Amino acid sequence: MNFYTQELKLNLLPPDKLYCDFNYWSALFTQDMSILWEKGHCVPLKNLPSEVSDMIFPYLLLALSDYKILNKKNLKGIGLDNLLNLWFDKYSLNKNGYFQLTCSTRTNII
């Protein structure tokens, strides 16, 4: 009997920077949102107040979606919900409009 096994290679480590196309979405940002990103700078997503987290959440989904599209070969079969569950607690806000790995996550990966 011959069994065919296929080797599956996945890299599920979160990238250092998870970009949201800030220029594209900037039309959706109001002055309040810019202030929110500024005040939330380096605050882990899991530590944000729920009201702030609710406002940031759509941008995190957009960033994850953009990342998944750019890496569709490597992330085939992995949904946004899985990435969100795996990575939500590993990111903080950056005032420049992206989500960055928290210091503790970056240290644990290296």
N, C-alpha and C. Protein backbone atom coordinates (compact mmCIF):
# COMPACT_ATOMS: atom_id res chain seq x y z
N MET A 1 0.82 -1.18 0.00
CA MET A 1 0.00 0.00 0.00
C MET A 1 0.87 1.25 0.00
N ASN A 2 0.57 2.14 -0.87
CA ASN A 2 1.27 3.43 -0.91
C ASN A 2 0.34 4.53 -0.43
N PHE A 3 0.82 5.25 0.54
CA PHE A 3 0.05 6.39 1.05
C PHE A 3 0.75 7.67 0.62
N TYR A 4 -0.01 8.58 0.14
CA TYR A 4 0.52 9.87 -0.26
C TYR A 4 0.26 10.87 0.86
N THR A 5 1.31 11.43 1.36
CA THR A 5 1.15 12.47 2.38
C THR A 5 1.67 13.78 1.82
N GLN A 6 0.93 14.79 2.06
CA GLN A 6 1.32 16.12 1.60
C GLN A 6 1.80 16.92 2.79
N GLU A 7 2.95 17.53 2.63
CA GLU A 7 3.51 18.34 3.71
C GLU A 7 2.85 19.72 3.69
N LEU A 8 2.35 20.12 4.82
CA LEU A 8 1.67 21.40 4.95
C LEU A 8 2.58 22.35 5.72
N LYS A 9 2.89 23.48 5.10
CA LYS A 9 3.75 24.47 5.75
C LYS A 9 2.95 25.74 5.94
N LEU A 10 2.76 26.11 7.19
CA LEU A 10 2.04 27.33 7.53
C LEU A 10 2.89 28.17 8.47
N ASN A 11 2.87 29.44 8.26
CA ASN A 11 3.52 30.36 9.18
C ASN A 11 2.41 31.19 9.82
N LEU A 12 2.04 30.84 11.04
CA LEU A 12 0.97 31.54 11.74
C LEU A 12 1.50 32.55 12.75
N LEU A 13 2.79 32.84 12.68
CA LEU A 13 3.32 33.88 13.55
C LEU A 13 2.86 35.23 13.02
N PRO A 14 2.44 36.10 13.89
CA PRO A 14 1.97 37.41 13.43
C PRO A 14 3.14 38.24 12.90
N PRO A 15 2.91 39.01 11.83
CA PRO A 15 3.98 39.88 11.32
C PRO A 15 4.25 41.02 12.29
N ASP A 16 5.44 41.61 12.21
CA ASP A 16 5.81 42.72 13.09
C ASP A 16 4.85 43.89 12.97
N LYS A 17 4.47 44.21 11.74
CA LYS A 17 3.55 45.32 11.51
C LYS A 17 2.41 44.83 10.65
N LEU A 18 1.22 45.18 11.05
CA LEU A 18 0.02 44.83 10.31
C LEU A 18 -0.60 46.13 9.83
N TYR A 19 -0.47 46.40 8.57
CA TYR A 19 -0.87 47.70 8.03
C TYR A 19 -2.34 47.77 7.66
N CYS A 20 -2.90 48.90 7.92
CA CYS A 20 -4.20 49.29 7.39
C CYS A 20 -3.87 50.40 6.40
N ASP A 21 -4.38 50.34 5.20
CA ASP A 21 -4.09 51.36 4.19
C ASP A 21 -4.68 52.68 4.67
N PHE A 22 -3.90 53.38 5.48
CA PHE A 22 -4.37 54.59 6.14
C PHE A 22 -4.81 55.66 5.15
N ASN A 23 -4.06 55.83 4.06
CA ASN A 23 -4.42 56.84 3.07
C ASN A 23 -5.79 56.55 2.45
N TYR A 24 -6.03 55.30 2.14
CA TYR A 24 -7.30 54.91 1.54
C TYR A 24 -8.47 55.13 2.50
N TRP A 25 -8.26 54.74 3.73
CA TRP A 25 -9.34 54.80 4.72
C TRP A 25 -9.41 56.13 5.44
N SER A 26 -8.47 57.04 5.15
CA SER A 26 -8.43 58.30 5.90
C SER A 26 -9.70 59.13 5.71
N ALA A 27 -10.37 58.94 4.57
CA ALA A 27 -11.63 59.67 4.36
C ALA A 27 -12.66 59.24 5.40
N LEU A 28 -12.51 58.04 5.95
CA LEU A 28 -13.46 57.54 6.94
C LEU A 28 -13.10 57.99 8.36
N PHE A 29 -11.84 58.42 8.53
CA PHE A 29 -11.41 58.87 9.85
C PHE A 29 -11.91 60.28 10.10
N THR A 30 -12.38 60.51 11.27
CA THR A 30 -12.74 61.87 11.67
C THR A 30 -11.64 62.38 12.58
N GLN A 31 -11.74 63.59 12.98
CA GLN A 31 -10.77 64.16 13.92
C GLN A 31 -10.73 63.32 15.20
N ASP A 32 -11.89 62.86 15.64
CA ASP A 32 -11.96 62.05 16.86
C ASP A 32 -11.19 60.74 16.71
N MET A 33 -11.28 60.12 15.52
CA MET A 33 -10.57 58.86 15.31
C MET A 33 -9.06 59.08 15.33
N SER A 34 -8.61 60.16 14.74
CA SER A 34 -7.17 60.46 14.76
C SER A 34 -6.69 60.65 16.19
N ILE A 35 -7.48 61.35 16.99
CA ILE A 35 -7.13 61.55 18.39
C ILE A 35 -7.12 60.21 19.13
N LEU A 36 -8.08 59.36 18.80
CA LEU A 36 -8.16 58.03 19.42
C LEU A 36 -6.91 57.21 19.13
N TRP A 37 -6.45 57.22 17.89
CA TRP A 37 -5.23 56.48 17.53
C TRP A 37 -4.02 57.08 18.26
N GLU A 38 -3.99 58.41 18.36
CA GLU A 38 -2.89 59.08 19.04
C GLU A 38 -2.86 58.71 20.53
N LYS A 39 -4.02 58.80 21.18
CA LYS A 39 -4.08 58.50 22.62
C LYS A 39 -3.92 57.01 22.91
N GLY A 40 -4.28 56.17 21.95
CA GLY A 40 -4.16 54.73 22.13
C GLY A 40 -2.81 54.17 21.73
N HIS A 41 -1.89 55.06 21.35
CA HIS A 41 -0.57 54.63 20.88
C HIS A 41 0.10 53.68 21.87
N CYS A 42 0.48 52.52 21.40
CA CYS A 42 1.18 51.47 22.17
C CYS A 42 0.30 50.78 23.22
N VAL A 43 -0.98 51.05 23.23
CA VAL A 43 -1.87 50.37 24.16
C VAL A 43 -2.30 49.04 23.52
N PRO A 44 -2.06 47.91 24.20
CA PRO A 44 -2.50 46.63 23.65
C PRO A 44 -4.02 46.64 23.40
N LEU A 45 -4.43 46.04 22.29
CA LEU A 45 -5.85 46.03 21.94
C LEU A 45 -6.71 45.46 23.05
N LYS A 46 -6.20 44.42 23.72
CA LYS A 46 -6.99 43.79 24.78
C LYS A 46 -7.18 44.70 26.00
N ASN A 47 -6.37 45.76 26.10
CA ASN A 47 -6.46 46.68 27.24
C ASN A 47 -7.26 47.94 26.94
N LEU A 48 -7.74 48.07 25.71
CA LEU A 48 -8.54 49.24 25.36
C LEU A 48 -9.92 49.15 26.00
N PRO A 49 -10.49 50.27 26.40
CA PRO A 49 -11.88 50.23 26.87
C PRO A 49 -12.79 49.69 25.75
N SER A 50 -13.86 49.03 26.11
CA SER A 50 -14.72 48.38 25.11
C SER A 50 -15.25 49.37 24.07
N GLU A 51 -15.55 50.60 24.48
CA GLU A 51 -16.06 51.58 23.52
C GLU A 51 -15.00 51.92 22.48
N VAL A 52 -13.75 52.03 22.90
CA VAL A 52 -12.65 52.32 21.99
C VAL A 52 -12.38 51.11 21.10
N SER A 53 -12.37 49.94 21.71
CA SER A 53 -12.15 48.71 20.96
C SER A 53 -13.19 48.54 19.86
N ASP A 54 -14.43 48.87 20.16
CA ASP A 54 -15.51 48.77 19.16
C ASP A 54 -15.27 49.71 17.99
N MET A 55 -14.68 50.87 18.26
CA MET A 55 -14.42 51.84 17.19
C MET A 55 -13.22 51.43 16.33
N ILE A 56 -12.24 50.76 16.94
CA ILE A 56 -11.02 50.35 16.25
C ILE A 56 -11.23 49.04 15.48
N PHE A 57 -12.13 48.21 15.96
CA PHE A 57 -12.33 46.87 15.42
C PHE A 57 -12.48 46.81 13.90
N PRO A 58 -13.30 47.68 13.28
CA PRO A 58 -13.42 47.61 11.80
C PRO A 58 -12.09 47.83 11.09
N TYR A 59 -11.22 48.67 11.64
CA TYR A 59 -9.93 48.93 11.02
C TYR A 59 -9.00 47.73 11.17
N LEU A 60 -9.12 47.03 12.30
CA LEU A 60 -8.35 45.80 12.47
C LEU A 60 -8.80 44.76 11.45
N LEU A 61 -10.09 44.63 11.25
CA LEU A 61 -10.59 43.69 10.24
C LEU A 61 -10.09 44.06 8.85
N LEU A 62 -10.08 45.34 8.53
CA LEU A 62 -9.57 45.78 7.23
C LEU A 62 -8.08 45.46 7.08
N ALA A 63 -7.32 45.70 8.13
CA ALA A 63 -5.89 45.40 8.09
C ALA A 63 -5.65 43.89 7.93
N LEU A 64 -6.40 43.08 8.67
CA LEU A 64 -6.28 41.63 8.54
C LEU A 64 -6.68 41.17 7.15
N SER A 65 -7.72 41.76 6.62
CA SER A 65 -8.18 41.42 5.28
C SER A 65 -7.12 41.76 4.23
N ASP A 66 -6.54 42.96 4.33
CA ASP A 66 -5.47 43.35 3.41
C ASP A 66 -4.29 42.39 3.52
N TYR A 67 -3.91 42.04 4.74
CA TYR A 67 -2.79 41.11 4.97
C TYR A 67 -3.09 39.74 4.37
N LYS A 68 -4.32 39.27 4.57
CA LYS A 68 -4.71 37.96 4.05
C LYS A 68 -4.69 37.95 2.53
N ILE A 69 -5.16 39.02 1.89
CA ILE A 69 -5.15 39.13 0.43
C ILE A 69 -3.71 39.12 -0.10
N LEU A 70 -2.82 39.86 0.56
CA LEU A 70 -1.43 39.91 0.13
C LEU A 70 -0.69 38.59 0.33
N ASN A 71 -1.20 37.76 1.23
CA ASN A 71 -0.54 36.49 1.56
C ASN A 71 -1.47 35.31 1.32
N LYS A 72 -2.28 35.39 0.27
CA LYS A 72 -3.31 34.38 0.06
C LYS A 72 -2.75 32.99 -0.16
N LYS A 73 -1.56 32.86 -0.75
CA LYS A 73 -0.98 31.52 -0.94
C LYS A 73 -0.64 30.88 0.40
N ASN A 74 -0.08 31.66 1.30
CA ASN A 74 0.34 31.13 2.60
C ASN A 74 -0.81 30.96 3.58
N LEU A 75 -1.89 31.70 3.37
CA LEU A 75 -2.99 31.69 4.34
C LEU A 75 -4.25 31.04 3.76
N LYS A 76 -4.08 30.25 2.72
CA LYS A 76 -5.22 29.59 2.09
C LYS A 76 -5.94 28.70 3.11
N GLY A 77 -7.24 28.88 3.21
CA GLY A 77 -8.04 28.08 4.13
C GLY A 77 -8.12 28.62 5.54
N ILE A 78 -7.42 29.72 5.80
CA ILE A 78 -7.45 30.32 7.14
C ILE A 78 -8.31 31.57 7.05
N GLY A 79 -9.37 31.61 7.82
CA GLY A 79 -10.30 32.73 7.77
C GLY A 79 -9.86 33.89 8.65
N LEU A 80 -10.48 35.03 8.39
CA LEU A 80 -10.20 36.21 9.20
C LEU A 80 -10.52 35.96 10.67
N ASP A 81 -11.57 35.17 10.92
CA ASP A 81 -11.93 34.88 12.31
C ASP A 81 -10.80 34.14 13.04
N ASN A 82 -10.12 33.25 12.33
CA ASN A 82 -9.00 32.52 12.95
C ASN A 82 -7.82 33.46 13.21
N LEU A 83 -7.51 34.31 12.24
CA LEU A 83 -6.42 35.27 12.45
C LEU A 83 -6.74 36.20 13.61
N LEU A 84 -7.98 36.63 13.67
CA LEU A 84 -8.40 37.51 14.75
C LEU A 84 -8.24 36.82 16.10
N ASN A 85 -8.66 35.58 16.20
CA ASN A 85 -8.53 34.82 17.45
C ASN A 85 -7.07 34.59 17.82
N LEU A 86 -6.23 34.34 16.82
CA LEU A 86 -4.82 34.07 17.08
C LEU A 86 -4.04 35.33 17.45
N TRP A 87 -4.39 36.46 16.86
CA TRP A 87 -3.52 37.63 16.93
C TRP A 87 -4.07 38.81 17.71
N PHE A 88 -5.34 38.83 18.07
CA PHE A 88 -5.92 40.02 18.70
C PHE A 88 -5.13 40.49 19.92
N ASP A 89 -4.76 39.57 20.78
CA ASP A 89 -4.07 39.96 22.02
C ASP A 89 -2.58 40.25 21.81
N LYS A 90 -2.10 40.13 20.59
CA LYS A 90 -0.68 40.33 20.32
C LYS A 90 -0.36 41.70 19.74
N TYR A 91 -1.39 42.51 19.48
CA TYR A 91 -1.18 43.80 18.84
C TYR A 91 -1.58 44.97 19.73
N SER A 92 -0.93 46.10 19.44
CA SER A 92 -1.31 47.36 20.07
C SER A 92 -1.49 48.38 18.94
N LEU A 93 -2.07 49.52 19.29
CA LEU A 93 -2.26 50.59 18.32
C LEU A 93 -0.95 51.34 18.11
N ASN A 94 -0.74 51.83 16.90
CA ASN A 94 0.35 52.74 16.62
C ASN A 94 -0.26 54.01 16.06
N LYS A 95 0.18 55.15 16.55
CA LYS A 95 -0.42 56.43 16.16
C LYS A 95 -0.28 56.73 14.68
N ASN A 96 0.58 56.00 13.97
CA ASN A 96 0.77 56.22 12.54
C ASN A 96 -0.21 55.41 11.69
N GLY A 97 -1.20 54.80 12.33
CA GLY A 97 -2.27 54.16 11.59
C GLY A 97 -2.08 52.69 11.29
N TYR A 98 -1.29 52.01 12.09
CA TYR A 98 -1.20 50.57 11.93
C TYR A 98 -1.20 49.89 13.29
N PHE A 99 -1.34 48.58 13.25
CA PHE A 99 -1.32 47.77 14.46
C PHE A 99 0.07 47.15 14.54
N GLN A 100 0.70 47.27 15.71
CA GLN A 100 2.05 46.73 15.87
C GLN A 100 2.05 45.66 16.95
N LEU A 101 3.01 44.73 16.81
CA LEU A 101 3.15 43.72 17.85
C LEU A 101 3.49 44.39 19.17
N THR A 102 2.91 43.89 20.25
CA THR A 102 3.28 44.42 21.56
C THR A 102 4.72 44.01 21.85
N CYS A 103 5.35 44.73 22.72
CA CYS A 103 6.76 44.43 23.07
C CYS A 103 6.91 43.00 23.58
N SER A 104 5.99 42.54 24.42
CA SER A 104 6.10 41.20 24.98
C SER A 104 5.95 40.13 23.90
N THR A 105 5.10 40.37 22.90
CA THR A 105 4.94 39.41 21.81
C THR A 105 6.19 39.36 20.97
N ARG A 106 6.77 40.51 20.67
CA ARG A 106 7.96 40.59 19.85
C ARG A 106 9.11 39.86 20.54
N THR A 107 9.24 40.01 21.86
CA THR A 107 10.29 39.36 22.63
C THR A 107 10.11 37.85 22.62
N ASN A 108 8.87 37.38 22.75
CA ASN A 108 8.62 35.94 22.79
C ASN A 108 8.88 35.26 21.44
N ILE A 109 8.70 35.97 20.34
CA ILE A 109 8.93 35.40 19.01
C ILE A 109 10.42 35.27 18.73
N ILE A 110 11.18 36.27 19.16
CA ILE A 110 12.63 36.27 18.92
C ILE A 110 13.26 35.31 19.86
